Amino acid sequence: MARRCDICKRGSNRAVSRSHSNIATKREQGVNLQTKTIAGKRTRVCTRCIRTLSKES
């Protein structure tokens, strides 16, 4: 299952780790996904969307 927000479709971000000798190693930054029940259905939603949804209420 892809780590992607069900509302905004935001996915992972590619970045690099830098060692002490400044060698770049590719890595992936995942989205902060939380399970939240919206309209009686469990969805995987990022925290940015949870903040936006709480403002609309």
PDB file of N, CA and C in Angstrom:
ATOM      1  N   MET A   1       0.848  -1.179   0.000  1.00  0.00           N
ATOM      2  CA  MET A   1       0.000   0.000   0.000  1.00  0.00           C
ATOM      3  C   MET A   1       0.895   1.244   0.000  1.00  0.00           C
ATOM      4  N   ALA A   2       0.591   2.170  -0.880  1.00  0.00           N
ATOM      5  CA  ALA A   2       1.415   3.367  -1.010  1.00  0.00           C
ATOM      6  C   ALA A   2       1.204   4.300   0.173  1.00  0.00           C
ATOM      7  N   ARG A   3       2.293   4.940   0.598  1.00  0.00           N
ATOM      8  CA  ARG A   3       2.190   5.921   1.672  1.00  0.00           C
ATOM      9  C   ARG A   3       1.783   7.250   1.052  1.00  0.00           C
ATOM     10  N   ARG A   4       0.481   7.421   0.900  1.00  0.00           N
ATOM     11  CA  ARG A   4      -0.064   8.588   0.226  1.00  0.00           C
ATOM     12  C   ARG A   4      -1.338   9.017   0.945  1.00  0.00           C
ATOM     13  N   CYS A   5      -1.529  10.332   1.056  1.00  0.00           N
ATOM     14  CA  CYS A   5      -2.711  10.876   1.716  1.00  0.00           C
ATOM     15  C   CYS A   5      -3.935  10.638   0.835  1.00  0.00           C
ATOM     16  N   ASP A   6      -5.052  10.206   1.452  1.00  0.00           N
ATOM     17  CA  ASP A   6      -6.260   9.920   0.696  1.00  0.00           C
ATOM     18  C   ASP A   6      -6.975  11.192   0.241  1.00  0.00           C
ATOM     19  N   ILE A   7      -6.707  12.326   0.885  1.00  0.00           N
ATOM     20  CA  ILE A   7      -7.402  13.561   0.535  1.00  0.00           C
ATOM     21  C   ILE A   7      -6.615  14.366  -0.497  1.00  0.00           C
ATOM     22  N   CYS A   8      -5.365  14.723  -0.172  1.00  0.00           N
ATOM     23  CA  CYS A   8      -4.592  15.607  -1.051  1.00  0.00           C
ATOM     24  C   CYS A   8      -3.628  14.853  -1.956  1.00  0.00           C
ATOM     25  N   LYS A   9      -3.536  13.538  -1.812  1.00  0.00           N
ATOM     26  CA  LYS A   9      -2.653  12.683  -2.629  1.00  0.00           C
ATOM     27  C   LYS A   9      -1.174  13.025  -2.470  1.00  0.00           C
ATOM     28  N   ARG A  10      -0.808  13.613  -1.339  1.00  0.00           N
ATOM     29  CA  ARG A  10       0.588  13.953  -1.083  1.00  0.00           C
ATOM     30  C   ARG A  10       1.365  12.679  -0.791  1.00  0.00           C
ATOM     31  N   GLY A  11       2.530  12.522  -1.416  1.00  0.00           N
ATOM     32  CA  GLY A  11       3.330  11.325  -1.257  1.00  0.00           C
ATOM     33  C   GLY A  11       4.667  11.617  -0.607  1.00  0.00           C
ATOM     34  N   SER A  12       5.590  10.686  -0.754  1.00  0.00           N
ATOM     35  CA  SER A  12       6.891  10.829  -0.118  1.00  0.00           C
ATOM     36  C   SER A  12       7.771  11.798  -0.900  1.00  0.00           C
ATOM     37  N   ASN A  13       8.805  12.296  -0.235  1.00  0.00           N
ATOM     38  CA  ASN A  13       9.735  13.268  -0.800  1.00  0.00           C
ATOM     39  C   ASN A  13      11.119  12.628  -0.847  1.00  0.00           C
ATOM     40  N   ARG A  14      11.835  12.837  -1.940  1.00  0.00           N
ATOM     41  CA  ARG A  14      13.197  12.305  -2.052  1.00  0.00           C
ATOM     42  C   ARG A  14      14.173  13.337  -1.527  1.00  0.00           C
ATOM     43  N   ALA A  15      15.149  12.885  -0.750  1.00  0.00           N
ATOM     44  CA  ALA A  15      16.155  13.761  -0.167  1.00  0.00           C
ATOM     45  C   ALA A  15      17.475  13.009  -0.122  1.00  0.00           C
ATOM     46  N   VAL A  16      18.509  13.666   0.363  1.00  0.00           N
ATOM     47  CA  VAL A  16      19.805  13.019   0.503  1.00  0.00           C
ATOM     48  C   VAL A  16      20.295  13.152   1.933  1.00  0.00           C
ATOM     49  N   SER A  17      20.921  12.082   2.416  1.00  0.00           N
ATOM     50  CA  SER A  17      21.638  12.126   3.684  1.00  0.00           C
ATOM     51  C   SER A  17      23.073  12.492   3.386  1.00  0.00           C
ATOM     52  N   ARG A  18      23.646  13.351   4.196  1.00  0.00           N
ATOM     53  CA  ARG A  18      25.037  13.766   3.998  1.00  0.00           C
ATOM     54  C   ARG A  18      25.887  13.192   5.122  1.00  0.00           C
ATOM     55  N   SER A  19      26.951  12.472   4.752  1.00  0.00           N
ATOM     56  CA  SER A  19      27.871  11.923   5.742  1.00  0.00           C
ATOM     57  C   SER A  19      28.859  13.006   6.165  1.00  0.00           C
ATOM     58  N   HIS A  20      29.742  12.641   7.070  1.00  0.00           N
ATOM     59  CA  HIS A  20      30.753  13.586   7.543  1.00  0.00           C
ATOM     60  C   HIS A  20      31.673  14.030   6.404  1.00  0.00           C
ATOM     61  N   SER A  21      31.911  13.142   5.441  1.00  0.00           N
ATOM     62  CA  SER A  21      32.744  13.493   4.289  1.00  0.00           C
ATOM     63  C   SER A  21      31.931  14.083   3.137  1.00  0.00           C
ATOM     64  N   ASN A  22      30.677  14.443   3.413  1.00  0.00           N
ATOM     65  CA  ASN A  22      29.770  15.120   2.478  1.00  0.00           C
ATOM     66  C   ASN A  22      29.346  14.235   1.308  1.00  0.00           C
ATOM     67  N   ILE A  23      29.393  12.907   1.472  1.00  0.00           N
ATOM     68  CA  ILE A  23      28.900  11.985   0.448  1.00  0.00           C
ATOM     69  C   ILE A  23      27.381  11.920   0.563  1.00  0.00           C
ATOM     70  N   ALA A  24      26.702  12.039  -0.577  1.00  0.00           N
ATOM     71  CA  ALA A  24      25.241  12.049  -0.595  1.00  0.00           C
ATOM     72  C   ALA A  24      24.710  10.629  -0.780  1.00  0.00           C
ATOM     73  N   THR A  25      23.762  10.238   0.062  1.00  0.00           N
ATOM     74  CA  THR A  25      23.077   8.966  -0.045  1.00  0.00           C
ATOM     75  C   THR A  25      21.590   9.250  -0.167  1.00  0.00           C
ATOM     76  N   LYS A  26      20.965   8.742  -1.239  1.00  0.00           N
ATOM     77  CA  LYS A  26      19.549   9.011  -1.460  1.00  0.00           C
ATOM     78  C   LYS A  26      18.705   8.299  -0.417  1.00  0.00           C
ATOM     79  N   ARG A  27      17.673   8.992   0.047  1.00  0.00           N
ATOM     80  CA  ARG A  27      16.731   8.423   1.001  1.00  0.00           C
ATOM     81  C   ARG A  27      15.355   9.010   0.733  1.00  0.00           C
ATOM     82  N   GLU A  28      14.362   8.528   1.454  1.00  0.00           N
ATOM     83  CA  GLU A  28      12.992   8.937   1.229  1.00  0.00           C
ATOM     84  C   GLU A  28      12.398   9.470   2.530  1.00  0.00           C
ATOM     85  N   GLN A  29      11.776  10.635   2.457  1.00  0.00           N
ATOM     86  CA  GLN A  29      11.083  11.205   3.606  1.00  0.00           C
ATOM     87  C   GLN A  29       9.607  10.890   3.454  1.00  0.00           C
ATOM     88  N   GLY A  30       9.069  10.133   4.382  1.00  0.00           N
ATOM     89  CA  GLY A  30       7.667   9.763   4.303  1.00  0.00           C
ATOM     90  C   GLY A  30       6.760  10.865   4.819  1.00  0.00           C
ATOM     91  N   VAL A  31       5.500  10.811   4.420  1.00  0.00           N
ATOM     92  CA  VAL A  31       4.492  11.758   4.874  1.00  0.00           C
ATOM     93  C   VAL A  31       3.989  11.297   6.241  1.00  0.00           C
ATOM     94  N   ASN A  32       3.672  12.251   7.105  1.00  0.00           N
ATOM     95  CA  ASN A  32       3.149  11.931   8.427  1.00  0.00           C
ATOM     96  C   ASN A  32       1.673  11.567   8.297  1.00  0.00           C
ATOM     97  N   LEU A  33       1.401  10.276   8.093  1.00  0.00           N
ATOM     98  CA  LEU A  33       0.027   9.808   7.887  1.00  0.00           C
ATOM     99  C   LEU A  33      -0.568   9.301   9.195  1.00  0.00           C
ATOM    100  N   GLN A  34      -1.820   9.642   9.410  1.00  0.00           N
ATOM    101  CA  GLN A  34      -2.571   9.196  10.573  1.00  0.00           C
ATOM    102  C   GLN A  34      -3.883   8.600  10.058  1.00  0.00           C
ATOM    103  N   THR A  35      -4.406   7.607  10.779  1.00  0.00           N
ATOM    104  CA  THR A  35      -5.718   7.067  10.419  1.00  0.00           C
ATOM    105  C   THR A  35      -6.778   7.906  11.122  1.00  0.00           C
ATOM    106  N   LYS A  36      -7.771   8.336  10.351  1.00  0.00           N
ATOM    107  CA  LYS A  36      -8.826   9.181  10.896  1.00  0.00           C
ATOM    108  C   LYS A  36     -10.146   8.751  10.273  1.00  0.00           C
ATOM    109  N   THR A  37     -11.186   8.726  11.071  1.00  0.00           N
ATOM    110  CA  THR A  37     -12.503   8.366  10.575  1.00  0.00           C
ATOM    111  C   THR A  37     -13.196   9.621  10.070  1.00  0.00           C
ATOM    112  N   ILE A  38     -13.492   9.644   8.773  1.00  0.00           N
ATOM    113  CA  ILE A  38     -14.172  10.774   8.153  1.00  0.00           C
ATOM    114  C   ILE A  38     -15.432  10.245   7.482  1.00  0.00           C
ATOM    115  N   ALA A  39     -16.574  10.759   7.906  1.00  0.00           N
ATOM    116  CA  ALA A  39     -17.886  10.358   7.373  1.00  0.00           C
ATOM    117  C   ALA A  39     -18.099   8.842   7.516  1.00  0.00           C
ATOM    118  N   GLY A  40     -17.673   8.280   8.654  1.00  0.00           N
ATOM    119  CA  GLY A  40     -17.869   6.864   8.934  1.00  0.00           C
ATOM    120  C   GLY A  40     -16.921   5.932   8.209  1.00  0.00           C
ATOM    121  N   LYS A  41     -15.888   6.458   7.561  1.00  0.00           N
ATOM    122  CA  LYS A  41     -14.945   5.633   6.809  1.00  0.00           C
ATOM    123  C   LYS A  41     -13.533   5.925   7.278  1.00  0.00           C
ATOM    124  N   ARG A  42     -12.749   4.863   7.560  1.00  0.00           N
ATOM    125  CA  ARG A  42     -11.361   5.049   7.998  1.00  0.00           C
ATOM    126  C   ARG A  42     -10.490   5.413   6.812  1.00  0.00           C
ATOM    127  N   THR A  43      -9.769   6.522   6.941  1.00  0.00           N
ATOM    128  CA  THR A  43      -8.904   6.979   5.868  1.00  0.00           C
ATOM    129  C   THR A  43      -7.528   7.284   6.422  1.00  0.00           C
ATOM    130  N   ARG A  44      -6.519   7.229   5.551  1.00  0.00           N
ATOM    131  CA  ARG A  44      -5.150   7.603   5.916  1.00  0.00           C
ATOM    132  C   ARG A  44      -4.938   9.038   5.448  1.00  0.00           C
ATOM    133  N   VAL A  45      -4.810   9.946   6.406  1.00  0.00           N
ATOM    134  CA  VAL A  45      -4.786  11.367   6.113  1.00  0.00           C
ATOM    135  C   VAL A  45      -3.506  11.956   6.684  1.00  0.00           C
ATOM    136  N   CYS A  46      -2.873  12.891   5.937  1.00  0.00           N
ATOM    137  CA  CYS A  46      -1.682  13.556   6.445  1.00  0.00           C
ATOM    138  C   CYS A  46      -2.089  14.594   7.496  1.00  0.00           C
ATOM    139  N   THR A  47      -1.150  14.964   8.343  1.00  0.00           N
ATOM    140  CA  THR A  47      -1.452  15.878   9.442  1.00  0.00           C
ATOM    141  C   THR A  47      -1.810  17.267   8.940  1.00  0.00           C
ATOM    142  N   ARG A  48      -1.296  17.670   7.797  1.00  0.00           N
ATOM    143  CA  ARG A  48      -1.660  18.969   7.232  1.00  0.00           C
ATOM    144  C   ARG A  48      -3.146  19.002   6.884  1.00  0.00           C
ATOM    145  N   CYS A  49      -3.676  17.899   6.323  1.00  0.00           N
ATOM    146  CA  CYS A  49      -5.105  17.829   5.997  1.00  0.00           C
ATOM    147  C   CYS A  49      -5.955  17.771   7.266  1.00  0.00           C
ATOM    148  N   ILE A  50      -5.458  17.124   8.319  1.00  0.00           N
ATOM    149  CA  ILE A  50      -6.199  17.070   9.581  1.00  0.00           C
ATOM    150  C   ILE A  50      -6.342  18.477  10.152  1.00  0.00           C
ATOM    151  N   ARG A  51      -5.269  19.287  10.080  1.00  0.00           N
ATOM    152  CA  ARG A  51      -5.337  20.672  10.549  1.00  0.00           C
ATOM    153  C   ARG A  51      -6.326  21.485   9.719  1.00  0.00           C
ATOM    154  N   THR A  52      -6.318  21.277   8.400  1.00  0.00           N
ATOM    155  CA  THR A  52      -7.239  22.004   7.529  1.00  0.00           C
ATOM    156  C   THR A  52      -8.680  21.612   7.804  1.00  0.00           C
ATOM    157  N   LEU A  53      -8.926  20.317   8.018  1.00  0.00           N
ATOM    158  CA  LEU A  53     -10.276  19.852   8.309  1.00  0.00           C
ATOM    159  C   LEU A  53     -10.792  20.409   9.633  1.00  0.00           C
ATOM    160  N   SER A  54      -9.913  20.559  10.634  1.00  0.00           N
ATOM    161  CA  SER A  54     -10.355  21.084  11.919  1.00  0.00           C
ATOM    162  C   SER A  54     -10.688  22.571  11.817  1.00  0.00           C
ATOM    163  N   LYS A  55     -10.070  23.297  10.876  1.00  0.00           N
ATOM    164  CA  LYS A  55     -10.381  24.711  10.686  1.00  0.00           C
ATOM    165  C   LYS A  55     -11.754  24.894  10.055  1.00  0.00           C
ATOM    166  N   GLU A  56     -12.145  23.947   9.200  1.00  0.00           N
ATOM    167  CA  GLU A  56     -13.433  24.045   8.510  1.00  0.00           C
ATOM    168  C   GLU A  56     -14.602  23.720   9.415  1.00  0.00           C
ATOM    169  N   SER A  57     -14.370  22.999  10.480  1.00  0.00           N
ATOM    170  CA  SER A  57     -15.472  22.583  11.375  1.00  0.00           C
ATOM    171  C   SER A  57     -15.992  23.724  12.208  1.00  0.00           C
TER     172      SER A  57
END
